[in-house]
């Protein structure tokens, strides 16, 4: 059974584990309470803390590992991101700068959000990763989500959470695999049809009473066939709304927990791929029940366990620079000058 040790300022640690602040981490958890463009439910700014608090009640055992997390590795929970920047684009620059020190390839970063608008700056920071060599065209993004997030804008805002995947592609991401999509516009469906970088597995297909198993098997096969570096982004509304009722935009007809679980394992098990980073986002604190934040904590824990297993099987190689922490300051942000 884990125990809870709070960090300075009463910030809970991931899984309630005792953390040595001087030890070089193998995995870092980055709380990112960003909420500027939500369009329906509110509360994602408090989501990372709610997830960390709930994680203290998650069992540490992962069946892939045959031992409890952290399974001989070191996890560090960083202090939450914050910024007093005056504009949305400057806020995105600040997010990029917060993630960038952990993006070179020596540490596995897991970001907890926060609205899905965090995705573009997180990916911009990951250009620093040794496997990418500054080129996001090498990267595959696997997106679990209810929404396609491929709008050109929402109510005139190009950096809305509803545009996160579209802006990621604008940054140069080479491939996007979407899972569980069931709420999208005509514009987004046309983008899916016309952009050969996008493969979308709709919830109506993978969960169909007739033929759903065959669609799901094709999805798992596609995940295991990925080659090269991968970022895994999990919007928790990709799960059915009964599991995450407090997320900003819960949608019925979504993935079960076990669908998400198998998808995570399949991505990390792809023999020719390396998952270099991940995020779990759109978390909100559910009042009266811990179900939403606990579900998010379970998914985050599964990501960490799958990463440890991938390390053991040789699908992770630390970069030559094995010193974690800040190295390259953010001199010129990607977003304040974005065109």
Foldseek 3Di string as FASTA:
>chain_A
DAAWDADPVRQTWALRHDADPPDQFQAEEEEELEDDFQDFADFFSCFVSLLRVLSVVDFQDDPLQRDGPPNPGHYYYDDYQDDPDDDPLVVLLSLLQSQQLFQQALHAYEYETDFQLNQQSNLQSNCNYPQNVNALLQEEEEEQAQAPLCDCADPPHNSHSSNNVNVNVVVPHNAYEYEQHDDYDPVSVVCQVPDPRYHYQHLCQCVPPPNNVVSLVVVLVVLLQDAEEYEYEYEPLQAACVQAVNFRDRDHSHHHLVSLLSSLLSNLNNPRYAHRYYYYGSGGQDPPDSRNSNSSSVSSSSNSVSNVSSVVVPRGDGDPPNRGDDDDGSPDGPRVPDD
